[in-house]
Amino acid sequence: MKLFFAPQTRAVGSRWALEEVGAPHELIRLKFPEELTRPDLRAANPLGQVPTLVDGDQIVTESYAIALYLADRFPASGLAPAQDMRHQYYQWAFFAGAALEPHLLEVFLHTVRLPEAERSAERAAQAKEGFDRALGVVQDHLASHEYLLGERFSMVDVIWGSLLGWAQMMNLLAGFDHVRAYSKKVSSRPAFVRAVQD
């Protein structure tokens, strides 16, 4: 099993997921974005994107899909819930990608990533409003739950922990005390520490 990886990208979450399940793997470190045209990456993923996971004949792209795949691939890790909880597991995973991450990306683009002349304060403000609305749902849920599925850590917490780490770096969690406490808790896990140590 090997992971095409670049620091400070969504690939960090995939590396965290690999550490959580304890899967032996080869980490193929790439310079971002210069090395995204490497032939071995393009052979696995024609879009030349990280993360890309190669597991024998299986190729999995998209960080959230990789996380969910690994939880199922290594059931002994206990990170995929029983069938009666799967609907919540999938809901939280898709909510991260559909309801929160687009707003977070828009804030990032218009406050950090784009050249100043191309930034829009209005678009950043609108995105922050959308981000806050979506995060409010998580805040309310975490007021009475230790993790997203209750009292048990699961792979969906890796997905959310990665996303919230990005939001925390941008100082977007102020006023969301339950979310901040949750983010701190999941990012203190040994698997996360291993994933970001170098």
C-alpha atoms as a PDB file:
ATOM      1  CA  MET A   1       0.000   0.000   0.000  1.00  0.00           C
ATOM      2  CA  LYS A   2       1.336   3.432  -0.887  1.00  0.00           C
ATOM      3  CA  LEU A   3       0.112   6.986  -0.486  1.00  0.00           C
ATOM      4  CA  PHE A   4       1.047   9.856  -2.760  1.00  0.00           C
ATOM      5  CA  PHE A   5       1.426  12.631  -0.230  1.00  0.00           C
ATOM      6  CA  ALA A   6       2.300  16.305   0.073  1.00  0.00           C
ATOM      7  CA  PRO A   7       2.498  18.201   3.375  1.00  0.00           C
ATOM      8  CA  GLN A   8      -0.078  20.903   4.106  1.00  0.00           C
ATOM      9  CA  THR A   9      -2.642  19.399   1.740  1.00  0.00           C
ATOM     10  CA  ARG A  10      -5.675  17.149   2.208  1.00  0.00           C
ATOM     11  CA  ALA A  11      -3.209  14.252   2.042  1.00  0.00           C
ATOM     12  CA  VAL A  12      -2.392  14.855   5.720  1.00  0.00           C
ATOM     13  CA  GLY A  13      -5.840  13.512   6.605  1.00  0.00           C
ATOM     14  CA  SER A  14      -5.210  10.392   4.543  1.00  0.00           C
ATOM     15  CA  ARG A  15      -1.900   9.855   6.271  1.00  0.00           C
ATOM     16  CA  TRP A  16      -3.674  10.246   9.616  1.00  0.00           C
ATOM     17  CA  ALA A  17      -6.245   7.648   8.534  1.00  0.00           C
ATOM     18  CA  LEU A  18      -3.447   5.215   7.622  1.00  0.00           C
ATOM     19  CA  GLU A  19      -1.868   5.735  11.032  1.00  0.00           C
ATOM     20  CA  GLU A  20      -5.203   5.174  12.786  1.00  0.00           C
ATOM     21  CA  VAL A  21      -5.788   1.807  11.114  1.00  0.00           C
ATOM     22  CA  GLY A  22      -2.142   0.785  11.541  1.00  0.00           C
ATOM     23  CA  ALA A  23      -1.701  -0.073   7.870  1.00  0.00           C
ATOM     24  CA  PRO A  24       1.879  -0.648   6.701  1.00  0.00           C
ATOM     25  CA  HIS A  25       2.430   1.752   3.835  1.00  0.00           C
ATOM     26  CA  GLU A  26       4.945   3.553   1.695  1.00  0.00           C
ATOM     27  CA  LEU A  27       4.713   7.324   1.754  1.00  0.00           C
ATOM     28  CA  ILE A  28       5.587   8.880  -1.599  1.00  0.00           C
ATOM     29  CA  ARG A  29       6.413  12.486  -0.737  1.00  0.00           C
ATOM     30  CA  LEU A  30       5.809  15.045  -3.429  1.00  0.00           C
ATOM     31  CA  LYS A  31       6.603  18.724  -3.606  1.00  0.00           C
ATOM     32  CA  PHE A  32       3.345  20.591  -4.073  1.00  0.00           C
ATOM     33  CA  PRO A  33       2.498  21.608  -6.728  1.00  0.00           C
ATOM     34  CA  GLU A  34       5.709  21.080  -8.731  1.00  0.00           C
ATOM     35  CA  GLU A  35       5.695  17.264  -8.667  1.00  0.00           C
ATOM     36  CA  LEU A  36       2.041  16.648  -9.463  1.00  0.00           C
ATOM     37  CA  THR A  37       3.036  15.818 -13.033  1.00  0.00           C
ATOM     38  CA  ARG A  38       5.181  12.840 -11.993  1.00  0.00           C
ATOM     39  CA  PRO A  39       4.481   9.852 -14.256  1.00  0.00           C
ATOM     40  CA  ASP A  40       3.894   7.439 -11.361  1.00  0.00           C
ATOM     41  CA  LEU A  41       1.268   9.741  -9.845  1.00  0.00           C
ATOM     42  CA  ARG A  42      -0.375  10.387 -13.223  1.00  0.00           C
ATOM     43  CA  ALA A  43      -0.477   6.642 -13.883  1.00  0.00           C
ATOM     44  CA  ALA A  44      -2.456   6.175 -10.674  1.00  0.00           C
ATOM     45  CA  ASN A  45      -4.476   9.370 -10.896  1.00  0.00           C
ATOM     46  CA  PRO A  46      -4.693  11.088 -14.310  1.00  0.00           C
ATOM     47  CA  LEU A  47      -5.684  14.339 -12.577  1.00  0.00           C
ATOM     48  CA  GLY A  48      -2.347  14.362 -10.772  1.00  0.00           C
ATOM     49  CA  GLN A  49      -3.891  15.033  -7.367  1.00  0.00           C
ATOM     50  CA  VAL A  50      -2.893  14.180  -3.831  1.00  0.00           C
ATOM     51  CA  PRO A  51      -3.840  12.238  -1.904  1.00  0.00           C
ATOM     52  CA  THR A  52      -3.941   9.125  -4.043  1.00  0.00           C
ATOM     53  CA  LEU A  53      -3.881   5.723  -2.359  1.00  0.00           C
ATOM     54  CA  VAL A  54      -2.705   2.614  -4.179  1.00  0.00           C
ATOM     55  CA  ASP A  55      -3.651  -0.665  -2.506  1.00  0.00           C
ATOM     56  CA  GLY A  56      -2.645  -3.483  -4.812  1.00  0.00           C
ATOM     57  CA  ASP A  57      -5.003  -3.221  -7.779  1.00  0.00           C
ATOM     58  CA  GLN A  58      -7.231  -0.748  -5.974  1.00  0.00           C
ATOM     59  CA  ILE A  59      -6.701   2.975  -6.481  1.00  0.00           C
ATOM     60  CA  VAL A  60      -8.604   5.367  -4.249  1.00  0.00           C
ATOM     61  CA  THR A  61      -8.639   9.130  -4.647  1.00  0.00           C
ATOM     62  CA  GLU A  62     -10.300  11.927  -2.642  1.00  0.00           C
ATOM     63  CA  SER A  63      -9.276  12.241   0.990  1.00  0.00           C
ATOM     64  CA  TYR A  64     -12.688  11.442   2.510  1.00  0.00           C
ATOM     65  CA  ALA A  65     -13.128   8.393   0.286  1.00  0.00           C
ATOM     66  CA  ILE A  66      -9.660   7.179   1.282  1.00  0.00           C
ATOM     67  CA  ALA A  67     -10.517   7.508   4.972  1.00  0.00           C
ATOM     68  CA  LEU A  68     -13.785   5.583   4.654  1.00  0.00           C
ATOM     69  CA  TYR A  69     -12.114   2.950   2.458  1.00  0.00           C
ATOM     70  CA  LEU A  70      -9.389   2.359   5.037  1.00  0.00           C
ATOM     71  CA  ALA A  71     -11.884   1.979   7.874  1.00  0.00           C
ATOM     72  CA  ASP A  72     -13.650  -0.770   5.906  1.00  0.00           C
ATOM     73  CA  ARG A  73     -10.404  -2.290   4.627  1.00  0.00           C
ATOM     74  CA  PHE A  74      -9.131  -2.721   8.210  1.00  0.00           C
ATOM     75  CA  PRO A  75     -12.205  -3.654  10.256  1.00  0.00           C
ATOM     76  CA  ALA A  76     -10.100  -4.668  13.271  1.00  0.00           C
ATOM     77  CA  SER A  77      -9.355  -0.977  13.789  1.00  0.00           C
ATOM     78  CA  GLY A  78     -12.974  -0.511  14.873  1.00  0.00           C
ATOM     79  CA  LEU A  79     -13.175   2.807  13.030  1.00  0.00           C
ATOM     80  CA  ALA A  80     -16.182   1.919  10.849  1.00  0.00           C
ATOM     81  CA  PRO A  81     -19.426   1.702  12.822  1.00  0.00           C
ATOM     82  CA  ALA A  82     -21.958  -1.090  12.830  1.00  0.00           C
ATOM     83  CA  GLN A  83     -24.654  -1.015  10.167  1.00  0.00           C
ATOM     84  CA  ASP A  84     -27.199   0.676  12.424  1.00  0.00           C
ATOM     85  CA  MET A  85     -24.902   3.712  12.697  1.00  0.00           C
ATOM     86  CA  ARG A  86     -23.785   3.837   9.076  1.00  0.00           C
ATOM     87  CA  HIS A  87     -26.358   6.425   8.047  1.00  0.00           C
ATOM     88  CA  GLN A  88     -24.984   8.907  10.597  1.00  0.00           C
ATOM     89  CA  TYR A  89     -21.415   8.032   9.652  1.00  0.00           C
ATOM     90  CA  TYR A  90     -22.067   8.774   5.985  1.00  0.00           C
ATOM     91  CA  GLN A  91     -24.136  11.877   6.773  1.00  0.00           C
ATOM     92  CA  TRP A  92     -21.307  13.436   8.786  1.00  0.00           C
ATOM     93  CA  ALA A  93     -18.733  12.562   6.125  1.00  0.00           C
ATOM     94  CA  PHE A  94     -20.770  14.103   3.308  1.00  0.00           C
ATOM     95  CA  PHE A  95     -21.798  17.075   5.443  1.00  0.00           C
ATOM     96  CA  ALA A  96     -18.096  17.903   5.879  1.00  0.00           C
ATOM     97  CA  GLY A  97     -17.477  17.893   2.142  1.00  0.00           C
ATOM     98  CA  ALA A  98     -20.729  19.446   0.976  1.00  0.00           C
ATOM     99  CA  ALA A  99     -21.833  21.883   3.684  1.00  0.00           C
ATOM    100  CA  LEU A 100     -18.640  23.099   5.342  1.00  0.00           C
ATOM    101  CA  GLU A 101     -15.556  22.666   3.175  1.00  0.00           C
ATOM    102  CA  PRO A 102     -16.778  24.775   0.211  1.00  0.00           C
ATOM    103  CA  HIS A 103     -17.276  27.758   2.534  1.00  0.00           C
ATOM    104  CA  LEU A 104     -13.915  27.185   4.171  1.00  0.00           C
ATOM    105  CA  LEU A 105     -12.202  27.044   0.775  1.00  0.00           C
ATOM    106  CA  GLU A 106     -13.893  30.271  -0.306  1.00  0.00           C
ATOM    107  CA  VAL A 107     -12.747  32.073   2.849  1.00  0.00           C
ATOM    108  CA  PHE A 108      -9.226  30.738   2.289  1.00  0.00           C
ATOM    109  CA  LEU A 109      -9.142  31.867  -1.325  1.00  0.00           C
ATOM    110  CA  HIS A 110     -10.350  35.391  -0.604  1.00  0.00           C
ATOM    111  CA  THR A 111      -8.254  36.000   2.504  1.00  0.00           C
ATOM    112  CA  VAL A 112      -5.042  34.046   1.895  1.00  0.00           C
ATOM    113  CA  ARG A 113      -4.559  32.212  -1.381  1.00  0.00           C
ATOM    114  CA  LEU A 114      -5.522  34.590  -4.177  1.00  0.00           C
ATOM    115  CA  PRO A 115      -3.420  37.633  -5.056  1.00  0.00           C
ATOM    116  CA  GLU A 116      -4.792  40.645  -3.172  1.00  0.00           C
ATOM    117  CA  ALA A 117      -6.138  42.242  -6.332  1.00  0.00           C
ATOM    118  CA  GLU A 118      -8.316  39.180  -6.966  1.00  0.00           C
ATOM    119  CA  ARG A 119      -9.725  38.862  -3.452  1.00  0.00           C
ATOM    120  CA  SER A 120     -13.266  39.853  -2.598  1.00  0.00           C
ATOM    121  CA  ALA A 121     -14.055  40.895   0.971  1.00  0.00           C
ATOM    122  CA  GLU A 122     -17.757  40.457   0.199  1.00  0.00           C
ATOM    123  CA  ARG A 123     -17.302  36.868  -0.984  1.00  0.00           C
ATOM    124  CA  ALA A 124     -15.125  36.100   2.046  1.00  0.00           C
ATOM    125  CA  ALA A 125     -17.788  37.504   4.375  1.00  0.00           C
ATOM    126  CA  GLN A 126     -20.581  35.551   2.674  1.00  0.00           C
ATOM    127  CA  ALA A 127     -18.530  32.357   2.874  1.00  0.00           C
ATOM    128  CA  LYS A 128     -17.803  32.963   6.549  1.00  0.00           C
ATOM    129  CA  GLU A 129     -21.541  33.305   7.200  1.00  0.00           C
ATOM    130  CA  GLY A 130     -22.174  29.984   5.462  1.00  0.00           C
ATOM    131  CA  PHE A 131     -19.291  28.402   7.342  1.00  0.00           C
ATOM    132  CA  ASP A 132     -20.668  29.622  10.676  1.00  0.00           C
ATOM    133  CA  ARG A 133     -24.166  28.308   9.917  1.00  0.00           C
ATOM    134  CA  ALA A 134     -22.836  24.863   9.037  1.00  0.00           C
ATOM    135  CA  LEU A 135     -20.441  24.774  11.966  1.00  0.00           C
ATOM    136  CA  GLY A 136     -23.285  25.739  14.276  1.00  0.00           C
ATOM    137  CA  VAL A 137     -24.874  22.355  13.548  1.00  0.00           C
ATOM    138  CA  VAL A 138     -21.665  20.633  14.655  1.00  0.00           C
ATOM    139  CA  GLN A 139     -21.395  22.877  17.719  1.00  0.00           C
ATOM    140  CA  ASP A 140     -24.910  21.936  18.833  1.00  0.00           C
ATOM    141  CA  HIS A 141     -24.253  18.240  18.266  1.00  0.00           C
ATOM    142  CA  LEU A 142     -20.970  18.234  20.176  1.00  0.00           C
ATOM    143  CA  ALA A 143     -22.617  19.935  23.151  1.00  0.00           C
ATOM    144  CA  SER A 144     -23.970  16.502  24.099  1.00  0.00           C
ATOM    145  CA  HIS A 145     -21.650  14.073  22.290  1.00  0.00           C
ATOM    146  CA  GLU A 146     -17.975  13.322  22.813  1.00  0.00           C
ATOM    147  CA  TYR A 147     -17.465  12.367  19.163  1.00  0.00           C
ATOM    148  CA  LEU A 148     -19.631  12.675  16.079  1.00  0.00           C
ATOM    149  CA  LEU A 149     -21.083   9.189  16.536  1.00  0.00           C
ATOM    150  CA  GLY A 150     -21.452   9.494  20.289  1.00  0.00           C
ATOM    151  CA  GLU A 151     -18.909   8.211  22.766  1.00  0.00           C
ATOM    152  CA  ARG A 152     -16.781   6.291  20.278  1.00  0.00           C
ATOM    153  CA  PHE A 153     -14.110   7.694  17.977  1.00  0.00           C
ATOM    154  CA  SER A 154     -14.593   6.684  14.331  1.00  0.00           C
ATOM    155  CA  MET A 155     -13.079   7.441  10.962  1.00  0.00           C
ATOM    156  CA  VAL A 156     -15.514  10.298  10.446  1.00  0.00           C
ATOM    157  CA  ASP A 157     -13.720  12.059  13.311  1.00  0.00           C
ATOM    158  CA  VAL A 158     -10.505  11.855  11.282  1.00  0.00           C
ATOM    159  CA  ILE A 159     -12.311  13.554   8.406  1.00  0.00           C
ATOM    160  CA  TRP A 160     -13.650  16.291  10.650  1.00  0.00           C
ATOM    161  CA  GLY A 161     -10.440  16.605  12.635  1.00  0.00           C
ATOM    162  CA  SER A 162      -8.507  17.289   9.433  1.00  0.00           C
ATOM    163  CA  LEU A 163     -11.029  19.848   8.230  1.00  0.00           C
ATOM    164  CA  LEU A 164     -11.197  21.618  11.584  1.00  0.00           C
ATOM    165  CA  GLY A 165      -7.410  21.753  11.792  1.00  0.00           C
ATOM    166  CA  TRP A 166      -7.479  23.823   8.620  1.00  0.00           C
ATOM    167  CA  ALA A 167     -10.205  26.054  10.060  1.00  0.00           C
ATOM    168  CA  GLN A 168      -8.276  26.444  13.315  1.00  0.00           C
ATOM    169  CA  MET A 169      -5.167  27.598  11.445  1.00  0.00           C
ATOM    170  CA  MET A 170      -7.331  30.301   9.881  1.00  0.00           C
ATOM    171  CA  ASN A 171      -8.727  31.339  13.291  1.00  0.00           C
ATOM    172  CA  LEU A 172     -12.292  30.484  12.276  1.00  0.00           C
ATOM    173  CA  LEU A 173     -13.361  28.545  15.376  1.00  0.00           C
ATOM    174  CA  ALA A 174     -13.754  31.466  17.772  1.00  0.00           C
ATOM    175  CA  GLY A 175     -17.124  31.281  19.511  1.00  0.00           C
ATOM    176  CA  PHE A 176     -17.494  27.545  18.843  1.00  0.00           C
ATOM    177  CA  ASP A 177     -16.203  26.228  22.171  1.00  0.00           C
ATOM    178  CA  HIS A 178     -17.469  22.653  21.799  1.00  0.00           C
ATOM    179  CA  VAL A 179     -15.961  22.396  18.338  1.00  0.00           C
ATOM    180  CA  ARG A 180     -12.634  23.806  19.525  1.00  0.00           C
ATOM    181  CA  ALA A 181     -12.487  21.324  22.418  1.00  0.00           C
ATOM    182  CA  TYR A 182     -13.330  18.471  20.059  1.00  0.00           C
ATOM    183  CA  SER A 183     -10.695  19.582  17.553  1.00  0.00           C
ATOM    184  CA  LYS A 184      -8.069  19.739  20.290  1.00  0.00           C
ATOM    185  CA  LYS A 185      -9.039  16.277  21.550  1.00  0.00           C
ATOM    186  CA  VAL A 186      -8.892  14.494  18.204  1.00  0.00           C
ATOM    187  CA  SER A 187      -5.656  16.241  17.184  1.00  0.00           C
ATOM    188  CA  SER A 188      -3.993  14.991  20.360  1.00  0.00           C
ATOM    189  CA  ARG A 189      -4.368  11.370  19.249  1.00  0.00           C
ATOM    190  CA  PRO A 190      -1.042   9.546  18.740  1.00  0.00           C
ATOM    191  CA  ALA A 191      -1.952   8.678  15.138  1.00  0.00           C
ATOM    192  CA  PHE A 192      -2.421  12.355  14.303  1.00  0.00           C
ATOM    193  CA  VAL A 193       0.851  13.282  15.975  1.00  0.00           C
ATOM    194  CA  ARG A 194       2.634  10.643  13.885  1.00  0.00           C
ATOM    195  CA  ALA A 195       0.968  11.924  10.722  1.00  0.00           C
ATOM    196  CA  VAL A 196       2.251  15.465  11.144  1.00  0.00           C
ATOM    197  CA  GLN A 197       5.574  14.893  12.881  1.00  0.00           C
ATOM    198  CA  ASP A 198       7.748  15.398   9.784  1.00  0.00           C
END
